[in-house]
Amino acid sequence: MDYVNGENVTNNEHLAEAIDMTREGSAPADGTTGYDEPGSAGPDFTLRDSCFHVAIEELEKISTAPEDSQEKIDQVLGMLREARNADNRRRAQVMAEAHEILQNVWVPPE
C-alpha cells in the first residue's frame, strides 16, 4: 500500500506519518493557523506539540532504513528533539527543515 502525503508517495507507514506530521507542524506560527493554541490537542497540549510528538514517535519506529536514509532520519530526530521546547516560530522552522530532509529518505515497508 502506498501512503500519499502531498506530492510524496512512500510505502512505509511510519515515514509517511512523519512526513505528514512535519508538514503540518511547519504551519506558520503567526497565530492564524491555531497550531499553537493551548489545549488544541488536549489539556496543555497544542497541535504543534502533537506534531512533534507523533513525528518523533514514528521516526523511532523505523528499523528497515538503508544506512544513508537512517543517517537522515537520525539527523531529523536530533533536530526535532532539540527544538521540541523552542518558541513556536523556531519549532515551525525546524519542522519545515525536517520535512524537506524527509522528502529524500527512502524506507522499505515493514
Protein backbone atom coordinates (compact mmCIF):
# COMPACT_ATOMS: atom_id res chain seq x y z
CA MET A 1 0.00 0.00 0.00
CA ASP A 2 1.29 3.47 -0.82
CA TYR A 3 0.79 6.33 1.60
CA VAL A 4 0.46 9.69 -0.10
CA ASN A 5 1.46 12.95 1.58
CA GLY A 6 1.09 15.96 -0.65
CA GLU A 7 3.09 15.11 -3.75
CA ASN A 8 5.10 12.44 -1.97
CA VAL A 9 4.48 8.71 -2.04
CA THR A 10 6.05 6.17 0.28
CA ASN A 11 5.09 2.61 1.11
CA ASN A 12 6.36 2.83 4.70
CA GLU A 13 3.58 3.92 7.05
CA HIS A 14 5.95 5.32 9.70
CA LEU A 15 7.84 7.50 7.23
CA ALA A 16 4.55 8.63 5.68
CA GLU A 17 3.19 9.70 9.06
CA ALA A 18 6.43 11.53 9.94
CA ILE A 19 6.36 13.37 6.61
CA ASP A 20 2.74 14.34 7.22
CA MET A 21 3.41 15.50 10.78
CA THR A 22 6.42 17.62 9.79
CA ARG A 23 4.34 19.21 7.03
CA GLU A 24 1.55 20.01 9.48
CA GLY A 25 3.97 21.12 12.18
CA SER A 26 5.53 23.63 9.81
CA ALA A 27 2.32 25.68 9.77
CA PRO A 28 3.03 29.39 10.30
CA ALA A 29 3.48 30.40 13.93
CA ASP A 30 1.73 33.72 13.43
CA GLY A 31 -1.41 32.76 15.34
CA THR A 32 -3.60 32.38 12.25
CA THR A 33 -3.50 28.58 11.99
CA GLY A 34 -4.44 27.51 15.52
CA TYR A 35 -1.47 25.14 15.81
CA ASP A 36 -0.19 26.93 18.91
CA GLU A 37 -3.48 27.39 20.77
CA PRO A 38 -3.25 25.92 24.28
CA GLY A 39 -5.49 22.89 24.57
CA SER A 40 -5.97 22.50 20.81
CA ALA A 41 -4.79 18.87 21.03
CA GLY A 42 -5.74 18.09 24.61
CA PRO A 43 -5.15 19.64 28.01
CA ASP A 44 -1.93 21.66 28.00
CA PHE A 45 -1.08 20.30 24.53
CA THR A 46 -1.06 22.22 21.25
CA LEU A 47 -1.44 20.82 17.75
CA ARG A 48 2.22 21.67 17.11
CA ASP A 49 3.18 19.74 20.29
CA SER A 50 1.24 16.79 18.93
CA CYS A 51 3.00 17.02 15.55
CA PHE A 52 6.40 16.93 17.27
CA HIS A 53 5.39 14.00 19.46
CA VAL A 54 3.98 11.91 16.61
CA ALA A 55 6.83 12.70 14.17
CA ILE A 56 9.45 11.63 16.73
CA GLU A 57 7.49 8.54 17.71
CA GLU A 58 7.01 7.43 14.09
CA LEU A 59 10.65 8.01 13.12
CA GLU A 60 11.78 5.97 16.13
CA LYS A 61 9.71 3.03 14.82
CA ILE A 62 11.63 2.81 11.55
CA SER A 63 14.00 -0.15 11.62
CA THR A 64 14.47 -1.05 7.95
CA ALA A 65 16.08 2.10 6.55
CA PRO A 66 19.20 1.83 4.42
CA GLU A 67 22.27 3.44 6.03
CA ASP A 68 22.09 6.74 4.12
CA SER A 69 18.40 7.12 4.90
CA GLN A 70 18.95 6.17 8.55
CA GLU A 71 21.55 8.94 8.83
CA LYS A 72 18.97 11.46 7.61
CA ILE A 73 16.35 10.04 9.97
CA ASP A 74 18.79 10.33 12.87
CA GLN A 75 19.56 13.93 11.84
CA VAL A 76 15.85 14.79 11.79
CA LEU A 77 15.27 13.10 15.15
CA GLY A 78 18.06 15.20 16.67
CA MET A 79 16.64 18.39 15.17
CA LEU A 80 13.14 17.64 16.45
CA ARG A 81 14.26 16.67 19.93
CA GLU A 82 16.44 19.77 20.24
CA ALA A 83 13.68 22.14 19.09
CA ARG A 84 10.76 20.46 20.86
CA ASN A 85 10.65 23.16 23.58
CA ALA A 86 11.79 26.14 21.49
CA ASP A 87 9.50 29.07 20.68
CA ASN A 88 6.76 28.41 18.14
CA ARG A 89 8.44 30.28 15.29
CA ARG A 90 11.60 28.18 15.70
CA ARG A 91 9.59 24.97 16.01
CA ALA A 92 7.74 25.74 12.77
CA GLN A 93 11.05 26.43 11.04
CA VAL A 94 12.59 23.17 12.28
CA MET A 95 9.53 21.22 11.18
CA ALA A 96 9.83 22.73 7.69
CA GLU A 97 13.53 21.82 7.56
CA ALA A 98 12.78 18.30 8.79
CA HIS A 99 10.04 17.94 6.19
CA GLU A 100 12.49 18.88 3.42
CA ILE A 101 15.05 16.33 4.61
CA LEU A 102 12.47 13.55 4.87
CA GLN A 103 11.49 14.14 1.23
CA ASN A 104 14.81 12.49 0.29
CA VAL A 105 14.52 9.46 2.57
CA TRP A 106 13.55 6.03 1.34
CA VAL A 107 12.50 3.26 3.69
CA PRO A 108 11.12 -0.12 2.60
CA PRO A 109 7.80 -1.26 4.01
CA GLU A 110 7.87 -3.05 7.35
